[in-house]
Amino acid sequence: MDLANLIQTVSLYALPVLFAITVHEAAHGYAARHFGDNTAYLQGRMTLNPLKHIDPIGTIAMPLMLYFATSGAFLFGYAKPVPVDFGALRNPKRDMIWVALAGPASNFMQAILWALLLVVLAGLNVQEPFFIKMAQAGILVNLVMWAFNLFPLPPLDGGRILVGLLPWKQAQWVSRIEPWGFFIVLALVLAGVVGALWLRPLMSLGYTLINTLISPLLSLLR
């Protein structure tokens, strides 16, 4: 493994990843409080302090281990989930949809902001590759988090959204998957199912939407 390449990769992705996971988790907390649950607030998790959301294993050790083991071909990680007492929400079944959706929505908004930074860099004629690559990394990281977390299987946000949308009986069936959901998702990721059938199509859609948004701005710079 090329140490210099690792250092360059970490330097490019560190800031986008920290922003992505911090805002994602804090968004869950803010949404939960808005709909009546103060659990995250009382536990100090409704914060933009990244140290409160970093999981030593899932955020640092596992991604680094996988990076070395696969020469950077496969990465997987997670942050400490923000605690939410869905029973404390004013309308648990409906409000859990919005609480779950807040995280991925925050990532899509961040992807747009990183894309707008690219527009600003182009407008200022900044040619420094580091800043351009970091903005591109910010778009990529946030679109991955947006798409991956929308996968409709608990404990991912998409699974909670699905539970909120389904009729009560079917929602109970999906909820029973949650204790094994992480391992099922990991197996599907390793098998390439999530990437081929979910991540790539959704990320392609995300890039298309962002390009559509910033294209008029870029045309003004020409």
Protein backbone atom coordinates (compact mmCIF):
# COMPACT_ATOMS: atom_id res chain seq x y z
CA MET A 1 0.00 0.00 0.00
CA ASP A 2 1.33 3.42 -0.99
CA LEU A 3 1.49 5.48 2.21
CA ALA A 4 1.65 8.75 0.28
CA ASN A 5 -1.51 7.81 -1.59
CA LEU A 6 -3.25 6.97 1.69
CA ILE A 7 -2.29 10.32 3.22
CA GLN A 8 -3.51 12.17 0.12
CA THR A 9 -6.82 10.26 0.16
CA VAL A 10 -7.37 10.92 3.87
CA SER A 11 -6.56 14.62 3.49
CA LEU A 12 -9.05 14.96 0.64
CA TYR A 13 -11.88 13.02 2.26
CA ALA A 14 -11.46 13.82 5.98
CA LEU A 15 -13.33 17.15 5.97
CA PRO A 16 -16.17 16.04 3.66
CA VAL A 17 -16.68 12.84 5.68
CA LEU A 18 -16.68 14.67 9.02
CA PHE A 19 -19.23 17.19 7.75
CA ALA A 20 -21.32 14.46 6.13
CA ILE A 21 -21.68 12.24 9.22
CA THR A 22 -21.96 15.12 11.70
CA VAL A 23 -24.72 16.99 9.89
CA HIS A 24 -26.48 13.71 9.05
CA GLU A 25 -26.70 12.61 12.69
CA ALA A 26 -27.46 16.08 14.03
CA ALA A 27 -30.29 16.39 11.48
CA HIS A 28 -31.93 13.29 12.96
CA GLY A 29 -31.71 14.87 16.41
CA TYR A 30 -33.13 18.22 15.33
CA ALA A 31 -35.99 16.52 13.47
CA ALA A 32 -36.77 14.26 16.43
CA ARG A 33 -36.91 17.25 18.79
CA HIS A 34 -39.14 19.13 16.35
CA PHE A 35 -41.61 16.23 16.41
CA GLY A 36 -41.57 15.83 20.19
CA ASP A 37 -38.62 13.61 21.19
CA ASN A 38 -35.88 15.27 23.27
CA THR A 39 -33.72 12.14 23.72
CA ALA A 40 -30.88 13.26 21.44
CA TYR A 41 -30.93 16.75 22.95
CA LEU A 42 -30.78 15.45 26.53
CA GLN A 43 -27.87 13.13 25.65
CA GLY A 44 -25.89 15.93 24.00
CA ARG A 45 -26.18 14.40 20.53
CA MET A 46 -28.07 17.29 18.93
CA THR A 47 -24.78 18.97 18.09
CA LEU A 48 -22.48 19.76 15.20
CA ASN A 49 -19.47 18.60 17.24
CA PRO A 50 -18.11 15.65 15.18
CA LEU A 51 -16.53 14.05 18.27
CA LYS A 52 -20.03 13.32 19.57
CA HIS A 53 -20.90 11.31 16.45
CA ILE A 54 -17.66 9.46 15.64
CA ASP A 55 -17.64 5.76 16.44
CA PRO A 56 -14.02 4.58 16.99
CA ILE A 57 -14.71 1.25 15.29
CA GLY A 58 -17.23 2.16 12.59
CA THR A 59 -15.88 5.60 11.64
CA ILE A 60 -12.12 5.06 11.94
CA ALA A 61 -10.92 1.47 12.45
CA MET A 62 -13.22 -0.36 10.03
CA PRO A 63 -12.76 2.00 7.03
CA LEU A 64 -8.97 2.02 7.49
CA MET A 65 -8.84 -1.78 7.83
CA LEU A 66 -10.94 -2.22 4.68
CA TYR A 67 -8.87 0.36 2.82
CA PHE A 68 -5.67 -1.59 3.49
CA ALA A 69 -7.29 -4.99 2.99
CA THR A 70 -8.81 -4.12 -0.40
CA SER A 71 -6.28 -1.51 -1.62
CA GLY A 72 -9.01 1.10 -1.47
CA ALA A 73 -11.45 -0.84 -3.63
CA PHE A 74 -14.05 -1.27 -0.88
CA LEU A 75 -14.91 1.00 2.03
CA PHE A 76 -17.64 0.70 4.63
CA GLY A 77 -18.26 2.49 7.90
CA TYR A 78 -20.80 4.08 10.18
CA ALA A 79 -21.23 6.76 12.83
CA LYS A 80 -22.84 6.48 16.26
CA PRO A 81 -26.60 6.56 15.61
CA VAL A 82 -28.46 9.42 17.26
CA PRO A 83 -30.85 7.95 19.86
CA VAL A 84 -34.51 8.45 18.98
CA ASP A 85 -37.46 7.35 21.11
CA PHE A 86 -40.06 6.92 18.39
CA GLY A 87 -42.74 6.38 21.03
CA ALA A 88 -42.15 9.94 22.26
CA LEU A 89 -42.97 11.45 18.86
CA ARG A 90 -46.35 13.15 18.63
CA ASN A 91 -47.42 10.85 15.81
CA PRO A 92 -44.85 8.00 15.91
CA LYS A 93 -45.69 6.24 12.65
CA ARG A 94 -45.89 9.42 10.59
CA ASP A 95 -43.17 11.43 12.32
CA MET A 96 -40.59 8.63 12.15
CA ILE A 97 -40.63 9.09 8.36
CA TRP A 98 -39.53 12.72 8.69
CA VAL A 99 -36.96 11.95 11.39
CA ALA A 100 -35.44 9.19 9.25
CA LEU A 101 -35.56 11.30 6.09
CA ALA A 102 -33.75 14.22 7.75
CA GLY A 103 -30.35 12.49 7.64
CA PRO A 104 -30.26 11.58 3.93
CA ALA A 105 -31.85 14.93 3.04
CA SER A 106 -29.02 16.73 4.85
CA ASN A 107 -26.49 14.76 2.80
CA PHE A 108 -28.16 15.66 -0.48
CA MET A 109 -28.14 19.33 0.55
CA GLN A 110 -24.44 19.06 1.40
CA ALA A 111 -23.74 17.50 -2.02
CA ILE A 112 -25.42 20.55 -3.59
CA LEU A 113 -23.30 22.90 -1.45
CA TRP A 114 -20.06 21.13 -2.46
CA ALA A 115 -21.18 21.42 -6.11
CA LEU A 116 -21.81 25.14 -5.60
CA LEU A 117 -18.29 25.39 -4.17
CA LEU A 118 -17.02 23.97 -7.47
CA VAL A 119 -18.93 26.74 -9.26
CA VAL A 120 -17.35 29.35 -6.98
CA LEU A 121 -13.87 27.91 -7.57
CA ALA A 122 -14.48 28.03 -11.32
CA GLY A 123 -15.78 31.58 -11.05
CA LEU A 124 -12.67 32.65 -9.15
CA ASN A 125 -10.49 30.75 -11.64
CA VAL A 126 -8.96 28.67 -8.86
CA GLN A 127 -6.85 25.95 -10.46
CA GLU A 128 -5.52 24.31 -7.28
CA PRO A 129 -6.29 20.58 -7.73
CA PHE A 130 -6.56 19.92 -3.98
CA PHE A 131 -9.59 22.19 -3.51
CA ILE A 132 -11.27 20.96 -6.69
CA LYS A 133 -10.75 17.31 -5.72
CA MET A 134 -12.00 17.97 -2.19
CA ALA A 135 -15.21 19.52 -3.52
CA GLN A 136 -15.65 16.54 -5.84
CA ALA A 137 -15.03 14.23 -2.87
CA GLY A 138 -17.67 16.14 -0.90
CA ILE A 139 -20.23 15.51 -3.64
CA LEU A 140 -19.31 11.82 -3.85
CA VAL A 141 -19.31 11.17 -0.09
CA ASN A 142 -22.66 12.84 0.45
CA LEU A 143 -24.34 11.18 -2.51
CA VAL A 144 -23.10 7.79 -1.26
CA MET A 145 -24.49 8.50 2.21
CA TRP A 146 -27.74 9.83 0.75
CA ALA A 147 -28.30 6.81 -1.48
CA PHE A 148 -27.01 4.15 0.91
CA ASN A 149 -29.04 5.33 3.89
CA LEU A 150 -32.22 5.33 1.79
CA PHE A 151 -31.86 1.57 1.18
CA PRO A 152 -35.22 0.22 2.41
CA LEU A 153 -34.07 -2.12 5.16
CA PRO A 154 -33.86 -1.43 8.91
CA PRO A 155 -31.82 -0.15 10.67
CA LEU A 156 -31.01 2.15 7.74
CA ASP A 157 -33.07 5.32 7.37
CA GLY A 158 -34.79 3.90 4.30
CA GLY A 159 -36.00 0.97 6.38
CA ARG A 160 -37.54 3.29 8.95
CA ILE A 161 -39.18 5.30 6.18
CA LEU A 162 -40.60 2.07 4.76
CA VAL A 163 -41.96 1.07 8.20
CA GLY A 164 -43.64 4.46 8.48
CA LEU A 165 -45.22 4.18 5.04
CA LEU A 166 -46.46 0.58 5.22
CA PRO A 167 -49.77 -0.49 6.80
CA TRP A 168 -49.39 -1.55 10.43
CA LYS A 169 -49.24 -5.32 9.85
CA GLN A 170 -46.65 -5.15 7.06
CA ALA A 171 -44.69 -2.54 9.03
CA GLN A 172 -44.39 -5.00 11.93
CA TRP A 173 -42.96 -7.65 9.60
CA VAL A 174 -40.28 -5.25 8.33
CA SER A 175 -39.48 -4.06 11.89
CA ARG A 176 -38.67 -7.64 12.93
CA ILE A 177 -35.73 -7.62 10.51
CA GLU A 178 -33.93 -4.84 12.40
CA PRO A 179 -31.84 -7.01 14.83
CA TRP A 180 -30.25 -8.70 11.81
CA GLY A 181 -30.57 -5.79 9.40
CA PHE A 182 -26.97 -4.59 9.67
CA PHE A 183 -25.60 -8.03 8.80
CA ILE A 184 -28.09 -8.47 5.95
CA VAL A 185 -27.13 -5.08 4.51
CA LEU A 186 -23.40 -5.84 4.87
CA ALA A 187 -23.87 -9.19 3.10
CA LEU A 188 -25.80 -7.50 0.28
CA VAL A 189 -23.05 -4.87 -0.02
CA LEU A 190 -20.32 -7.52 -0.21
CA ALA A 191 -22.35 -9.47 -2.79
CA GLY A 192 -22.57 -6.34 -4.94
CA VAL A 193 -26.37 -6.25 -4.81
CA VAL A 194 -26.65 -2.88 -3.08
CA GLY A 195 -24.10 -1.28 -5.39
CA ALA A 196 -25.51 -2.58 -8.66
CA LEU A 197 -29.23 -2.36 -7.97
CA TRP A 198 -29.44 0.58 -5.60
CA LEU A 199 -26.37 2.78 -5.12
CA ARG A 200 -25.33 3.28 -8.75
CA PRO A 201 -28.80 4.05 -10.15
CA LEU A 202 -29.65 6.40 -7.28
CA MET A 203 -26.29 8.15 -7.37
CA SER A 204 -26.60 8.56 -11.13
CA LEU A 205 -29.93 10.26 -10.52
CA GLY A 206 -28.33 12.43 -7.82
CA TYR A 207 -25.52 13.55 -10.11
CA THR A 208 -28.05 14.32 -12.85
CA LEU A 209 -30.14 16.47 -10.51
CA ILE A 210 -27.09 18.35 -9.24
CA ASN A 211 -25.73 18.89 -12.76
CA THR A 212 -29.13 20.21 -13.81
CA LEU A 213 -29.04 22.62 -10.87
CA ILE A 214 -25.54 24.01 -11.39
CA SER A 215 -25.43 23.97 -15.22
CA PRO A 216 -27.11 27.41 -15.53
CA LEU A 217 -24.59 28.83 -13.07
CA LEU A 218 -21.65 27.32 -14.95
CA SER A 219 -23.00 28.67 -18.26
CA LEU A 220 -22.89 32.18 -16.80
CA LEU A 221 -19.14 31.80 -16.26
CA ARG A 222 -18.40 30.95 -19.88
